[in-house]
N, C-alpha and C. Protein backbone atom coordinates (compact mmCIF):
# COMPACT_ATOMS: atom_id res chain seq x y z
N UNK A 1 -148.03 -98.64 -48.56
CA UNK A 1 -147.83 -99.61 -49.62
C UNK A 1 -147.87 -101.00 -49.00
N UNK A 2 -148.70 -101.86 -49.59
CA UNK A 2 -148.86 -103.21 -49.09
C UNK A 2 -148.67 -104.18 -50.25
N UNK A 3 -147.79 -105.15 -50.07
CA UNK A 3 -147.51 -106.13 -51.11
C UNK A 3 -148.35 -107.37 -50.86
N UNK A 4 -149.12 -107.76 -51.86
CA UNK A 4 -149.89 -108.99 -51.81
C UNK A 4 -149.02 -110.08 -52.42
N UNK A 5 -148.57 -111.01 -51.59
CA UNK A 5 -147.59 -112.01 -52.02
C UNK A 5 -148.13 -112.93 -53.11
N UNK A 6 -149.36 -113.36 -53.00
CA UNK A 6 -149.93 -114.28 -54.00
C UNK A 6 -150.03 -113.60 -55.36
N UNK A 7 -150.54 -112.37 -55.39
CA UNK A 7 -150.66 -111.64 -56.65
C UNK A 7 -149.29 -111.31 -57.23
N UNK A 8 -148.32 -111.04 -56.38
CA UNK A 8 -146.96 -110.76 -56.85
C UNK A 8 -146.35 -112.00 -57.49
N UNK A 9 -146.53 -113.14 -56.88
CA UNK A 9 -146.01 -114.39 -57.46
C UNK A 9 -146.70 -114.68 -58.79
N UNK A 10 -148.00 -114.43 -58.87
CA UNK A 10 -148.72 -114.63 -60.13
C UNK A 10 -148.20 -113.68 -61.20
N UNK A 11 -147.93 -112.42 -60.84
CA UNK A 11 -147.39 -111.45 -61.80
C UNK A 11 -146.03 -111.89 -62.31
N UNK A 12 -145.19 -112.41 -61.41
CA UNK A 12 -143.86 -112.89 -61.80
C UNK A 12 -143.99 -114.11 -62.72
N UNK A 13 -144.91 -115.01 -62.40
CA UNK A 13 -145.11 -116.20 -63.22
C UNK A 13 -145.62 -115.85 -64.62
N UNK A 14 -146.56 -114.91 -64.70
CA UNK A 14 -147.06 -114.48 -66.02
C UNK A 14 -145.94 -113.85 -66.83
N UNK A 15 -145.15 -113.00 -66.20
CA UNK A 15 -144.03 -112.37 -66.90
C UNK A 15 -143.00 -113.39 -67.36
N UNK A 16 -142.75 -114.37 -66.52
CA UNK A 16 -141.81 -115.43 -66.87
C UNK A 16 -142.30 -116.26 -68.06
N UNK A 17 -143.59 -116.55 -68.08
CA UNK A 17 -144.15 -117.32 -69.20
C UNK A 17 -144.12 -116.52 -70.51
N UNK A 18 -144.40 -115.23 -70.43
CA UNK A 18 -144.32 -114.40 -71.63
C UNK A 18 -142.88 -114.33 -72.13
N UNK A 19 -141.93 -114.15 -71.20
CA UNK A 19 -140.51 -114.10 -71.58
C UNK A 19 -140.06 -115.43 -72.17
N UNK A 20 -140.55 -116.53 -71.63
CA UNK A 20 -140.22 -117.84 -72.19
C UNK A 20 -140.79 -117.98 -73.60
N UNK A 21 -141.97 -117.41 -73.82
CA UNK A 21 -142.53 -117.42 -75.17
C UNK A 21 -141.65 -116.67 -76.15
N UNK A 22 -141.15 -115.50 -75.73
CA UNK A 22 -140.22 -114.76 -76.60
C UNK A 22 -138.94 -115.57 -76.84
N UNK A 23 -138.45 -116.24 -75.81
CA UNK A 23 -137.24 -117.05 -75.96
C UNK A 23 -137.47 -118.20 -76.93
N UNK A 24 -138.63 -118.81 -76.86
CA UNK A 24 -138.93 -119.98 -77.69
C UNK A 24 -139.14 -119.63 -79.15
N UNK A 25 -139.78 -118.49 -79.42
CA UNK A 25 -140.16 -118.18 -80.79
C UNK A 25 -139.17 -117.31 -81.54
N UNK A 26 -138.25 -116.66 -80.84
CA UNK A 26 -137.28 -115.79 -81.52
C UNK A 26 -136.05 -116.61 -81.89
N UNK A 27 -135.59 -116.48 -83.14
CA UNK A 27 -134.46 -117.27 -83.61
C UNK A 27 -133.22 -116.44 -83.90
N UNK A 28 -133.20 -115.19 -83.49
CA UNK A 28 -132.05 -114.34 -83.77
C UNK A 28 -130.93 -114.52 -82.76
N UNK A 29 -129.90 -113.71 -82.95
CA UNK A 29 -128.73 -113.83 -82.09
C UNK A 29 -128.93 -113.21 -80.71
N UNK A 30 -129.90 -112.33 -80.55
CA UNK A 30 -130.16 -111.67 -79.27
C UNK A 30 -131.32 -112.31 -78.51
N UNK A 31 -131.39 -113.62 -78.57
CA UNK A 31 -132.48 -114.36 -77.96
C UNK A 31 -132.52 -114.17 -76.43
N UNK A 32 -131.37 -114.27 -75.80
CA UNK A 32 -131.31 -114.11 -74.34
C UNK A 32 -131.62 -112.68 -73.93
N UNK A 33 -131.16 -111.71 -74.70
CA UNK A 33 -131.43 -110.30 -74.41
C UNK A 33 -132.92 -110.02 -74.48
N UNK A 34 -133.58 -110.50 -75.51
CA UNK A 34 -135.01 -110.28 -75.67
C UNK A 34 -135.80 -110.91 -74.53
N UNK A 35 -135.47 -112.13 -74.17
CA UNK A 35 -136.23 -112.80 -73.12
C UNK A 35 -135.96 -112.21 -71.74
N UNK A 36 -134.72 -111.92 -71.42
CA UNK A 36 -134.44 -111.35 -70.09
C UNK A 36 -134.92 -109.91 -69.99
N UNK A 37 -134.76 -109.13 -71.03
CA UNK A 37 -135.23 -107.74 -71.02
C UNK A 37 -136.74 -107.66 -70.91
N UNK A 38 -137.43 -108.52 -71.65
CA UNK A 38 -138.89 -108.51 -71.57
C UNK A 38 -139.35 -108.99 -70.20
N UNK A 39 -138.67 -109.97 -69.62
CA UNK A 39 -139.05 -110.43 -68.29
C UNK A 39 -138.94 -109.32 -67.25
N UNK A 40 -137.84 -108.60 -67.25
CA UNK A 40 -137.64 -107.54 -66.26
C UNK A 40 -138.68 -106.44 -66.42
N UNK A 41 -138.87 -105.97 -67.64
CA UNK A 41 -139.81 -104.88 -67.89
C UNK A 41 -141.25 -105.30 -67.57
N UNK A 42 -141.65 -106.46 -68.06
CA UNK A 42 -143.02 -106.92 -67.83
C UNK A 42 -143.27 -107.23 -66.36
N UNK A 43 -142.26 -107.79 -65.69
CA UNK A 43 -142.41 -108.11 -64.28
C UNK A 43 -142.62 -106.85 -63.44
N UNK A 44 -141.81 -105.83 -63.67
CA UNK A 44 -141.93 -104.60 -62.89
C UNK A 44 -143.30 -103.94 -63.09
N UNK A 45 -143.73 -103.86 -64.32
CA UNK A 45 -145.02 -103.20 -64.58
C UNK A 45 -146.19 -104.04 -64.06
N UNK A 46 -146.11 -105.35 -64.21
CA UNK A 46 -147.22 -106.19 -63.77
C UNK A 46 -147.29 -106.28 -62.24
N UNK A 47 -146.17 -106.28 -61.56
CA UNK A 47 -146.19 -106.26 -60.09
C UNK A 47 -146.83 -104.97 -59.60
N UNK A 48 -146.46 -103.86 -60.23
CA UNK A 48 -147.07 -102.58 -59.84
C UNK A 48 -148.57 -102.56 -60.16
N UNK A 49 -148.97 -103.24 -61.22
CA UNK A 49 -150.38 -103.22 -61.62
C UNK A 49 -151.26 -104.12 -60.75
N UNK A 50 -150.76 -105.29 -60.37
CA UNK A 50 -151.64 -106.20 -59.63
C UNK A 50 -151.10 -106.64 -58.28
N UNK A 51 -149.82 -106.50 -58.01
CA UNK A 51 -149.24 -107.06 -56.79
C UNK A 51 -149.10 -106.12 -55.62
N UNK A 52 -149.22 -104.82 -55.85
CA UNK A 52 -149.00 -103.84 -54.80
C UNK A 52 -150.25 -102.97 -54.64
N UNK A 53 -150.61 -102.72 -53.39
CA UNK A 53 -151.72 -101.82 -53.10
C UNK A 53 -151.19 -100.65 -52.28
N UNK A 54 -151.60 -99.45 -52.65
CA UNK A 54 -151.18 -98.24 -51.95
C UNK A 54 -152.30 -97.74 -51.05
N UNK A 55 -151.93 -97.02 -50.00
CA UNK A 55 -152.91 -96.58 -49.01
C UNK A 55 -153.97 -95.66 -49.59
N UNK A 56 -153.55 -94.67 -50.34
CA UNK A 56 -154.48 -93.70 -50.90
C UNK A 56 -155.11 -94.25 -52.18
N UNK A 57 -156.44 -94.18 -52.25
CA UNK A 57 -157.13 -94.80 -53.38
C UNK A 57 -156.81 -94.10 -54.70
N UNK A 58 -156.64 -92.81 -54.67
CA UNK A 58 -156.32 -92.07 -55.90
C UNK A 58 -154.93 -92.46 -56.42
N UNK A 59 -153.96 -92.53 -55.53
CA UNK A 59 -152.62 -92.96 -55.90
C UNK A 59 -152.65 -94.40 -56.41
N UNK A 60 -153.39 -95.25 -55.72
CA UNK A 60 -153.50 -96.65 -56.12
C UNK A 60 -154.06 -96.78 -57.54
N UNK A 61 -155.14 -96.06 -57.82
CA UNK A 61 -155.76 -96.12 -59.14
C UNK A 61 -154.84 -95.59 -60.22
N UNK A 62 -154.23 -94.45 -59.97
CA UNK A 62 -153.33 -93.85 -60.97
C UNK A 62 -152.14 -94.75 -61.27
N UNK A 63 -151.54 -95.33 -60.24
CA UNK A 63 -150.38 -96.19 -60.47
C UNK A 63 -150.77 -97.48 -61.19
N UNK A 64 -151.92 -98.02 -60.89
CA UNK A 64 -152.36 -99.23 -61.58
C UNK A 64 -152.65 -98.96 -63.05
N UNK A 65 -153.25 -97.81 -63.35
CA UNK A 65 -153.52 -97.46 -64.75
C UNK A 65 -152.22 -97.23 -65.51
N UNK A 66 -151.30 -96.48 -64.93
CA UNK A 66 -150.02 -96.23 -65.58
C UNK A 66 -149.24 -97.53 -65.77
N UNK A 67 -149.26 -98.39 -64.76
CA UNK A 67 -148.57 -99.68 -64.87
C UNK A 67 -149.19 -100.55 -65.96
N UNK A 68 -150.50 -100.56 -66.04
CA UNK A 68 -151.17 -101.34 -67.09
C UNK A 68 -150.85 -100.83 -68.48
N UNK A 69 -150.83 -99.51 -68.62
CA UNK A 69 -150.49 -98.91 -69.92
C UNK A 69 -149.06 -99.27 -70.31
N UNK A 70 -148.12 -99.16 -69.37
CA UNK A 70 -146.74 -99.48 -69.70
C UNK A 70 -146.52 -100.98 -69.87
N UNK A 71 -147.33 -101.82 -69.24
CA UNK A 71 -147.26 -103.25 -69.49
C UNK A 71 -147.62 -103.54 -70.95
N UNK A 72 -148.68 -102.92 -71.43
CA UNK A 72 -149.09 -103.10 -72.82
C UNK A 72 -148.03 -102.54 -73.77
N UNK A 73 -147.47 -101.38 -73.45
CA UNK A 73 -146.42 -100.79 -74.28
C UNK A 73 -145.20 -101.71 -74.32
N UNK A 74 -144.82 -102.27 -73.17
CA UNK A 74 -143.67 -103.18 -73.12
C UNK A 74 -143.95 -104.44 -73.93
N UNK A 75 -145.16 -104.95 -73.83
CA UNK A 75 -145.52 -106.14 -74.58
C UNK A 75 -145.47 -105.88 -76.09
N UNK A 76 -146.02 -104.76 -76.52
CA UNK A 76 -146.00 -104.40 -77.94
C UNK A 76 -144.57 -104.18 -78.42
N UNK A 77 -143.78 -103.49 -77.62
CA UNK A 77 -142.38 -103.23 -77.97
C UNK A 77 -141.60 -104.53 -78.15
N UNK A 78 -141.77 -105.45 -77.22
CA UNK A 78 -141.03 -106.71 -77.32
C UNK A 78 -141.55 -107.61 -78.42
N UNK A 79 -142.84 -107.54 -78.70
CA UNK A 79 -143.37 -108.29 -79.85
C UNK A 79 -142.78 -107.73 -81.14
N UNK A 80 -142.70 -106.40 -81.24
CA UNK A 80 -142.10 -105.79 -82.43
C UNK A 80 -140.64 -106.20 -82.57
N UNK A 81 -139.91 -106.23 -81.47
CA UNK A 81 -138.52 -106.67 -81.54
C UNK A 81 -138.41 -108.15 -81.90
N UNK A 82 -139.37 -108.95 -81.48
CA UNK A 82 -139.28 -110.38 -81.78
C UNK A 82 -139.54 -110.69 -83.26
N UNK A 83 -140.19 -109.77 -83.97
CA UNK A 83 -140.44 -109.98 -85.39
C UNK A 83 -139.42 -109.29 -86.28
N UNK A 84 -138.41 -108.69 -85.69
CA UNK A 84 -137.40 -108.02 -86.50
C UNK A 84 -136.00 -108.39 -86.01
N UNK A 85 -135.05 -108.13 -86.85
CA UNK A 85 -133.66 -108.34 -86.47
C UNK A 85 -133.17 -107.02 -85.86
N UNK A 86 -132.72 -107.05 -84.63
CA UNK A 86 -132.35 -105.83 -83.93
C UNK A 86 -130.95 -105.97 -83.34
N UNK A 87 -130.36 -104.83 -83.06
CA UNK A 87 -129.03 -104.84 -82.45
C UNK A 87 -129.15 -104.63 -80.94
N UNK A 88 -128.13 -105.03 -80.24
CA UNK A 88 -128.07 -104.91 -78.78
C UNK A 88 -128.30 -103.48 -78.30
N UNK A 89 -127.58 -102.48 -78.86
CA UNK A 89 -127.78 -101.11 -78.36
C UNK A 89 -129.18 -100.56 -78.59
N UNK A 90 -129.78 -100.87 -79.73
CA UNK A 90 -131.13 -100.37 -80.01
C UNK A 90 -132.12 -100.91 -78.99
N UNK A 91 -132.03 -102.19 -78.69
CA UNK A 91 -132.96 -102.79 -77.72
C UNK A 91 -132.78 -102.16 -76.34
N UNK A 92 -131.55 -102.01 -75.90
CA UNK A 92 -131.27 -101.44 -74.58
C UNK A 92 -131.75 -100.00 -74.51
N UNK A 93 -131.51 -99.22 -75.55
CA UNK A 93 -131.90 -97.81 -75.55
C UNK A 93 -133.42 -97.67 -75.52
N UNK A 94 -134.12 -98.38 -76.39
CA UNK A 94 -135.58 -98.25 -76.47
C UNK A 94 -136.24 -98.71 -75.18
N UNK A 95 -135.92 -99.91 -74.74
CA UNK A 95 -136.56 -100.42 -73.52
C UNK A 95 -136.06 -99.71 -72.27
N UNK A 96 -134.83 -99.26 -72.27
CA UNK A 96 -134.31 -98.50 -71.13
C UNK A 96 -135.03 -97.17 -70.97
N UNK A 97 -135.25 -96.47 -72.08
CA UNK A 97 -135.98 -95.20 -72.02
C UNK A 97 -137.41 -95.43 -71.57
N UNK A 98 -138.07 -96.45 -72.12
CA UNK A 98 -139.44 -96.75 -71.71
C UNK A 98 -139.53 -97.10 -70.23
N UNK A 99 -138.60 -97.90 -69.75
CA UNK A 99 -138.61 -98.28 -68.34
C UNK A 99 -138.34 -97.09 -67.44
N UNK A 100 -137.41 -96.24 -67.82
CA UNK A 100 -137.11 -95.05 -67.00
C UNK A 100 -138.27 -94.06 -67.00
N UNK A 101 -138.96 -93.91 -68.11
CA UNK A 101 -140.14 -93.05 -68.14
C UNK A 101 -141.22 -93.61 -67.21
N UNK A 102 -141.40 -94.93 -67.24
CA UNK A 102 -142.37 -95.56 -66.34
C UNK A 102 -142.00 -95.32 -64.88
N UNK A 103 -140.75 -95.54 -64.54
CA UNK A 103 -140.31 -95.34 -63.16
C UNK A 103 -140.49 -93.88 -62.74
N UNK A 104 -140.17 -92.95 -63.63
CA UNK A 104 -140.31 -91.53 -63.33
C UNK A 104 -141.78 -91.16 -63.07
N UNK A 105 -142.67 -91.62 -63.94
CA UNK A 105 -144.09 -91.31 -63.78
C UNK A 105 -144.64 -91.95 -62.50
N UNK A 106 -144.28 -93.21 -62.26
CA UNK A 106 -144.75 -93.88 -61.05
C UNK A 106 -144.23 -93.19 -59.79
N UNK A 107 -142.99 -92.80 -59.79
CA UNK A 107 -142.40 -92.07 -58.66
C UNK A 107 -143.11 -90.74 -58.44
N UNK A 108 -143.38 -90.04 -59.51
CA UNK A 108 -144.07 -88.74 -59.41
C UNK A 108 -145.48 -88.89 -58.85
N UNK A 109 -146.18 -89.92 -59.28
CA UNK A 109 -147.53 -90.17 -58.76
C UNK A 109 -147.47 -90.54 -57.27
N UNK A 110 -146.51 -91.40 -56.93
CA UNK A 110 -146.39 -91.84 -55.54
C UNK A 110 -146.03 -90.67 -54.62
N UNK A 111 -145.17 -89.80 -55.06
CA UNK A 111 -144.75 -88.65 -54.23
C UNK A 111 -145.81 -87.57 -54.15
N UNK A 112 -146.76 -87.53 -55.06
CA UNK A 112 -147.82 -86.51 -55.03
C UNK A 112 -148.75 -86.74 -53.83
N UNK A 113 -148.91 -87.97 -53.40
CA UNK A 113 -149.73 -88.33 -52.24
C UNK A 113 -151.12 -87.72 -52.29
N UNK A 114 -151.85 -88.06 -53.33
CA UNK A 114 -153.22 -87.55 -53.45
C UNK A 114 -154.21 -88.67 -53.23
């Protein structure tokens, strides 16, 4: 596993800008939760998609595809939350399950070493 610092910083900056957009446009009471939760989820998936390279090409390709898919899912999920009034537990449960499924799949792909 090799971390490309420039691409990682770019991934963090993109995630931060998207989270700031959610913070700016959402007017509900869970404004901070939406922006910080989206930042964490989007940052993790985007760093895995563009900021990290793995030794084995098959593992690298699979992890980048899974990360890209979960980045889009996280973006859609947070956009849906930004257009609705939601409660704290619902947001944590939905995004927590999505994030844990992503981590589980990524871990399984990484440990397969193909």
